[in-house]
Structures are given as C-alpha cells and as structure tokens.
Amino acid sequence: MEAIIEDFAVVHPGHIEKRQKWIFNIAGGAVGMMTILHGSLSEYLILFGTAVGTEGFSGRYRIDIYDFMLAGEMWTYTEEDFRERTVSKPGDMTLLRRGQAKGLRLFEGTWMLEYGRGPVPTTLPFALGGAMTSMDATIIFQTLWLYGRLVVKELRQGKV
C-alpha cells in the first residue's frame, strides 16, 4: 500500500494524502476498510478492502467508479446480466458506470484501488448510509473530516 501511495504522490505532487487514516466503510451491506488518498468535488481516490470478506450492493451513483484489483477476488453481477457473474482478480479493472448498480462479493484478503469521477458529494448519502443506520458517529465524522479536509486543500489549489 505504501508503494502505491508513494508512486501516486510522485506523479501528482500536492494532491495525494500520504498519511494513511484507515476508516470502516459500511455501504450497501458491505463492510470494509478504506483510506482516502485524494478527495475533491470532482474526483476521489481510495484504497479499499477487507481482511475477512464481505458482500452487498454497490449503490447507484451519478459518477463513474473504476476499481483496480490489487489482491483477492471480487464477484459481481448487474441487473442487465443477473444470471452471469463477473470475476475480477489482481490486475483487472472494473467500471461501475453512472446509473448502473451491481451486487458484489469480496473474498477475504481483497484489496483494490478505487477511482471515482463526477459530482463526488452526491455519493455521500449512500457511502455513509450504513454508518447512519448503525448510528456510528465515529465513522461518519472520520469520513467527512478527512474528505472535507482534502476538498478544502484542493479548492485552495484551484481544483474543483
């Protein structure tokens, strides 16, 4: 993880959070850990994964989300192709297009780099929904604090 963060920091100086703050993420029934590497109003970059495995619903967003598999295995299916599972392994890239949704299963030891592009604040209600229903104020606060701090940093640099 450290090597990935360092490489991004070299390629995008001043735009990558190098301090790892790992936060639980509970969304669509899936539980994992994430650290936010970049956050702006139009893009985000996170490392996300689980040591024990999880499954759930991807959510439906107004942004495109790209997942780059680093370790483990992810199975997905869509409304359009609900009889077929797509298996993603290390080195694969998946795309959740705007307006699309997927069912997903992450196996134990699955880790990915996730890049979202579009109006990122529109994702927050779903992204924080599980923490809200479980009434975990710590997850909500940590996520909003880190993302908000990164957005302000990017706005000061002239990036929306």
C-alpha atoms as a PDB file:
ATOM      1  CA  MET A   1       0.000   0.000   0.000  1.00  0.00           C
ATOM      2  CA  GLU A   2       2.825   2.365   0.896  1.00  0.00           C
ATOM      3  CA  ALA A   3       4.454   1.912  -2.538  1.00  0.00           C
ATOM      4  CA  ILE A   4       1.182   2.728  -4.321  1.00  0.00           C
ATOM      5  CA  ILE A   5       0.704   5.850  -2.222  1.00  0.00           C
ATOM      6  CA  GLU A   6       4.301   6.978  -2.833  1.00  0.00           C
ATOM      7  CA  ASP A   7       4.027   6.431  -6.591  1.00  0.00           C
ATOM      8  CA  PHE A   8       0.835   8.499  -6.796  1.00  0.00           C
ATOM      9  CA  ALA A   9       2.390  11.235  -4.644  1.00  0.00           C
ATOM     10  CA  VAL A  10       5.348  11.455  -7.043  1.00  0.00           C
ATOM     11  CA  VAL A  11       3.135  11.612 -10.147  1.00  0.00           C
ATOM     12  CA  HIS A  12       0.597  14.013  -8.580  1.00  0.00           C
ATOM     13  CA  PRO A  13       2.580  16.155  -6.111  1.00  0.00           C
ATOM     14  CA  GLY A  14       0.442  18.072  -3.629  1.00  0.00           C
ATOM     15  CA  HIS A  15      -2.712  16.103  -4.461  1.00  0.00           C
ATOM     16  CA  ILE A  16      -2.201  12.797  -2.613  1.00  0.00           C
ATOM     17  CA  GLU A  17      -2.726  12.264   1.109  1.00  0.00           C
ATOM     18  CA  LYS A  18       0.298  10.274   2.221  1.00  0.00           C
ATOM     19  CA  ARG A  19      -0.812   9.782   5.836  1.00  0.00           C
ATOM     20  CA  GLN A  20      -2.952   6.671   5.977  1.00  0.00           C
ATOM     21  CA  LYS A  21      -6.077   7.002   8.095  1.00  0.00           C
ATOM     22  CA  TRP A  22      -7.965   3.722   7.765  1.00  0.00           C
ATOM     23  CA  ILE A  23     -11.721   4.071   8.333  1.00  0.00           C
ATOM     24  CA  PHE A  24     -14.510   1.499   8.357  1.00  0.00           C
ATOM     25  CA  ASN A  25     -16.836   1.853   5.386  1.00  0.00           C
ATOM     26  CA  ILE A  26     -20.330   0.391   5.617  1.00  0.00           C
ATOM     27  CA  ALA A  27     -22.363   0.845   2.445  1.00  0.00           C
ATOM     28  CA  GLY A  28     -24.986  -1.321   0.804  1.00  0.00           C
ATOM     29  CA  GLY A  29     -24.449  -4.033   3.396  1.00  0.00           C
ATOM     30  CA  ALA A  30     -20.767  -4.424   2.515  1.00  0.00           C
ATOM     31  CA  VAL A  31     -18.207  -3.665   5.226  1.00  0.00           C
ATOM     32  CA  GLY A  32     -14.565  -2.868   4.535  1.00  0.00           C
ATOM     33  CA  MET A  33     -11.725  -0.538   5.378  1.00  0.00           C
ATOM     34  CA  MET A  34     -10.697   2.479   3.332  1.00  0.00           C
ATOM     35  CA  THR A  35      -8.153   5.228   3.319  1.00  0.00           C
ATOM     36  CA  ILE A  36      -8.719   8.318   1.168  1.00  0.00           C
ATOM     37  CA  LEU A  37      -5.731   9.250  -0.980  1.00  0.00           C
ATOM     38  CA  HIS A  38      -7.369  12.103  -2.893  1.00  0.00           C
ATOM     39  CA  GLY A  39     -10.634  13.933  -2.443  1.00  0.00           C
ATOM     40  CA  SER A  40     -12.082  16.821  -4.420  1.00  0.00           C
ATOM     41  CA  LEU A  41     -15.534  17.852  -5.583  1.00  0.00           C
ATOM     42  CA  SER A  42     -14.986  16.037  -8.901  1.00  0.00           C
ATOM     43  CA  GLU A  43     -12.703  13.069  -8.090  1.00  0.00           C
ATOM     44  CA  TYR A  44     -11.680  10.704  -5.330  1.00  0.00           C
ATOM     45  CA  LEU A  45      -9.068   8.003  -4.969  1.00  0.00           C
ATOM     46  CA  ILE A  46      -9.200   5.444  -2.171  1.00  0.00           C
ATOM     47  CA  LEU A  47      -7.655   2.165  -1.159  1.00  0.00           C
ATOM     48  CA  PHE A  48     -10.437  -0.197  -0.078  1.00  0.00           C
ATOM     49  CA  GLY A  49     -10.607  -3.783   1.033  1.00  0.00           C
ATOM     50  CA  THR A  50     -11.379  -6.412   3.596  1.00  0.00           C
ATOM     51  CA  ALA A  51      -9.360  -8.981   5.500  1.00  0.00           C
ATOM     52  CA  VAL A  52     -12.372 -11.254   6.108  1.00  0.00           C
ATOM     53  CA  GLY A  53     -14.602 -10.825   3.024  1.00  0.00           C
ATOM     54  CA  THR A  54     -17.972  -9.118   2.576  1.00  0.00           C
ATOM     55  CA  GLU A  55     -20.866  -8.835   0.160  1.00  0.00           C
ATOM     56  CA  GLY A  56     -23.562  -6.319  -0.640  1.00  0.00           C
ATOM     57  CA  PHE A  57     -24.923  -3.755  -3.065  1.00  0.00           C
ATOM     58  CA  SER A  58     -22.693  -1.289  -4.929  1.00  0.00           C
ATOM     59  CA  GLY A  59     -25.146   1.589  -4.872  1.00  0.00           C
ATOM     60  CA  ARG A  60     -26.207   3.646  -7.881  1.00  0.00           C
ATOM     61  CA  TYR A  61     -24.312   6.881  -8.434  1.00  0.00           C
ATOM     62  CA  ARG A  62     -24.067   9.925 -10.673  1.00  0.00           C
ATOM     63  CA  ILE A  63     -20.333   9.239 -11.096  1.00  0.00           C
ATOM     64  CA  ASP A  64     -18.196   6.593 -12.808  1.00  0.00           C
ATOM     65  CA  ILE A  65     -16.251   4.349 -10.435  1.00  0.00           C
ATOM     66  CA  TYR A  66     -13.189   2.393 -11.529  1.00  0.00           C
ATOM     67  CA  ASP A  67     -11.832  -0.406  -9.324  1.00  0.00           C
ATOM     68  CA  PHE A  68      -8.312  -1.700  -9.905  1.00  0.00           C
ATOM     69  CA  MET A  69      -7.872  -5.068  -8.237  1.00  0.00           C
ATOM     70  CA  LEU A  70      -4.694  -5.350  -6.174  1.00  0.00           C
ATOM     71  CA  ALA A  71      -5.285  -8.610  -4.291  1.00  0.00           C
ATOM     72  CA  GLY A  72      -8.037 -11.157  -3.775  1.00  0.00           C
ATOM     73  CA  GLU A  73     -11.131 -11.682  -5.860  1.00  0.00           C
ATOM     74  CA  MET A  74     -14.381  -9.808  -6.485  1.00  0.00           C
ATOM     75  CA  TRP A  75     -17.535 -11.311  -7.978  1.00  0.00           C
ATOM     76  CA  THR A  76     -20.220  -9.007  -9.372  1.00  0.00           C
ATOM     77  CA  TYR A  77     -23.479  -9.175 -11.302  1.00  0.00           C
ATOM     78  CA  THR A  78     -25.730  -6.496 -12.755  1.00  0.00           C
ATOM     79  CA  GLU A  79     -29.430  -6.007 -13.453  1.00  0.00           C
ATOM     80  CA  GLU A  80     -28.744  -6.417 -17.169  1.00  0.00           C
ATOM     81  CA  ASP A  81     -26.735  -9.611 -16.680  1.00  0.00           C
ATOM     82  CA  PHE A  82     -28.066 -11.074 -13.420  1.00  0.00           C
ATOM     83  CA  ARG A  83     -27.549 -14.701 -14.483  1.00  0.00           C
ATOM     84  CA  GLU A  84     -23.824 -14.249 -15.047  1.00  0.00           C
ATOM     85  CA  ARG A  85     -21.144 -13.392 -12.536  1.00  0.00           C
ATOM     86  CA  THR A  86     -18.094 -11.384 -13.480  1.00  0.00           C
ATOM     87  CA  VAL A  87     -14.947 -12.463 -11.665  1.00  0.00           C
ATOM     88  CA  SER A  88     -12.238  -9.830 -11.148  1.00  0.00           C
ATOM     89  CA  LYS A  89      -8.744 -10.755  -9.970  1.00  0.00           C
ATOM     90  CA  PRO A  90      -5.487  -8.869  -9.333  1.00  0.00           C
ATOM     91  CA  GLY A  91      -4.574  -6.749 -12.341  1.00  0.00           C
ATOM     92  CA  ASP A  92      -8.175  -6.434 -13.545  1.00  0.00           C
ATOM     93  CA  MET A  93     -10.070  -3.155 -13.778  1.00  0.00           C
ATOM     94  CA  THR A  94     -13.840  -2.902 -13.361  1.00  0.00           C
ATOM     95  CA  LEU A  95     -16.128   0.016 -14.163  1.00  0.00           C
ATOM     96  CA  LEU A  96     -19.374   0.904 -12.422  1.00  0.00           C
ATOM     97  CA  ARG A  97     -20.939   3.358 -14.867  1.00  0.00           C
ATOM     98  CA  ARG A  98     -23.127   6.268 -13.807  1.00  0.00           C
ATOM     99  CA  GLY A  99     -26.607   4.976 -13.037  1.00  0.00           C
ATOM    100  CA  GLN A 100     -25.522   1.318 -13.000  1.00  0.00           C
ATOM    101  CA  ALA A 101     -25.639  -0.915  -9.915  1.00  0.00           C
ATOM    102  CA  LYS A 102     -24.026  -4.232  -9.034  1.00  0.00           C
ATOM    103  CA  GLY A 103     -24.335  -6.965  -6.492  1.00  0.00           C
ATOM    104  CA  LEU A 104     -20.876  -7.828  -5.196  1.00  0.00           C
ATOM    105  CA  ARG A 105     -18.884 -10.272  -3.148  1.00  0.00           C
ATOM    106  CA  LEU A 106     -15.345  -9.572  -1.999  1.00  0.00           C
ATOM    107  CA  PHE A 107     -13.423 -12.570  -0.752  1.00  0.00           C
ATOM    108  CA  GLU A 108     -11.087 -12.443   2.222  1.00  0.00           C
ATOM    109  CA  GLY A 109      -7.879 -10.546   1.521  1.00  0.00           C
ATOM    110  CA  THR A 110      -9.385  -8.490  -1.314  1.00  0.00           C
ATOM    111  CA  TRP A 111      -7.907  -5.013  -1.785  1.00  0.00           C
ATOM    112  CA  MET A 112      -8.452  -2.502  -4.562  1.00  0.00           C
ATOM    113  CA  LEU A 113      -7.612   0.990  -5.669  1.00  0.00           C
ATOM    114  CA  GLU A 114     -10.847   2.854  -6.402  1.00  0.00           C
ATOM    115  CA  TYR A 115     -11.135   5.987  -8.530  1.00  0.00           C
ATOM    116  CA  GLY A 116     -14.400   7.925  -8.779  1.00  0.00           C
ATOM    117  CA  ARG A 117     -15.032  10.766 -11.225  1.00  0.00           C
ATOM    118  CA  GLY A 118     -18.050  13.062 -11.321  1.00  0.00           C
ATOM    119  CA  PRO A 119     -20.008  15.029  -8.684  1.00  0.00           C
ATOM    120  CA  VAL A 120     -18.459  13.212  -5.687  1.00  0.00           C
ATOM    121  CA  PRO A 121     -20.606  14.858  -2.952  1.00  0.00           C
ATOM    122  CA  THR A 122     -23.658  13.112  -4.472  1.00  0.00           C
ATOM    123  CA  THR A 123     -22.161   9.770  -3.351  1.00  0.00           C
ATOM    124  CA  LEU A 124     -22.001  10.671   0.331  1.00  0.00           C
ATOM    125  CA  PRO A 125     -25.588   9.745   1.344  1.00  0.00           C
ATOM    126  CA  PHE A 126     -25.100   6.155   0.151  1.00  0.00           C
ATOM    127  CA  ALA A 127     -21.454   5.967   1.243  1.00  0.00           C
ATOM    128  CA  LEU A 128     -22.425   6.965   4.782  1.00  0.00           C
ATOM    129  CA  GLY A 129     -25.819   5.219   4.833  1.00  0.00           C
ATOM    130  CA  GLY A 130     -24.642   2.119   6.678  1.00  0.00           C
ATOM    131  CA  ALA A 131     -22.872   4.200   9.314  1.00  0.00           C
ATOM    132  CA  MET A 132     -26.018   6.303   9.726  1.00  0.00           C
ATOM    133  CA  THR A 133     -28.328   3.318  10.181  1.00  0.00           C
ATOM    134  CA  SER A 134     -25.904   1.699  12.620  1.00  0.00           C
ATOM    135  CA  MET A 135     -25.637   5.108  14.324  1.00  0.00           C
ATOM    136  CA  ASP A 136     -21.838   5.044  14.226  1.00  0.00           C
ATOM    137  CA  ALA A 137     -20.981   8.723  14.560  1.00  0.00           C
ATOM    138  CA  THR A 138     -17.250   7.930  14.573  1.00  0.00           C
ATOM    139  CA  ILE A 139     -17.300   6.579  11.004  1.00  0.00           C
ATOM    140  CA  ILE A 140     -19.417   9.498   9.797  1.00  0.00           C
ATOM    141  CA  PHE A 141     -17.182  12.078  11.473  1.00  0.00           C
ATOM    142  CA  GLN A 142     -13.903  10.477  10.340  1.00  0.00           C
ATOM    143  CA  THR A 143     -15.078  10.145   6.734  1.00  0.00           C
ATOM    144  CA  LEU A 144     -16.482  13.682   6.472  1.00  0.00           C
ATOM    145  CA  TRP A 145     -13.498  15.206   8.277  1.00  0.00           C
ATOM    146  CA  LEU A 146     -10.891  13.547   6.044  1.00  0.00           C
ATOM    147  CA  TYR A 147     -12.802  14.056   2.793  1.00  0.00           C
ATOM    148  CA  GLY A 148     -13.718  17.640   3.733  1.00  0.00           C
ATOM    149  CA  ARG A 149     -10.125  18.491   4.636  1.00  0.00           C
ATOM    150  CA  LEU A 150      -8.908  17.132   1.291  1.00  0.00           C
ATOM    151  CA  VAL A 151     -11.604  19.032  -0.645  1.00  0.00           C
ATOM    152  CA  VAL A 152     -10.605  22.325   1.028  1.00  0.00           C
ATOM    153  CA  LYS A 153      -6.939  21.595   0.236  1.00  0.00           C
ATOM    154  CA  GLU A 154      -7.814  21.009  -3.436  1.00  0.00           C
ATOM    155  CA  LEU A 155     -10.007  24.122  -3.635  1.00  0.00           C
ATOM    156  CA  ARG A 156      -7.106  26.195  -2.286  1.00  0.00           C
ATOM    157  CA  GLN A 157      -5.003  24.797  -5.148  1.00  0.00           C
ATOM    158  CA  GLY A 158      -7.670  25.778  -7.666  1.00  0.00           C
ATOM    159  CA  LYS A 159      -9.031  22.268  -8.280  1.00  0.00           C
ATOM    160  CA  VAL A 160     -12.746  21.628  -8.163  1.00  0.00           C
END
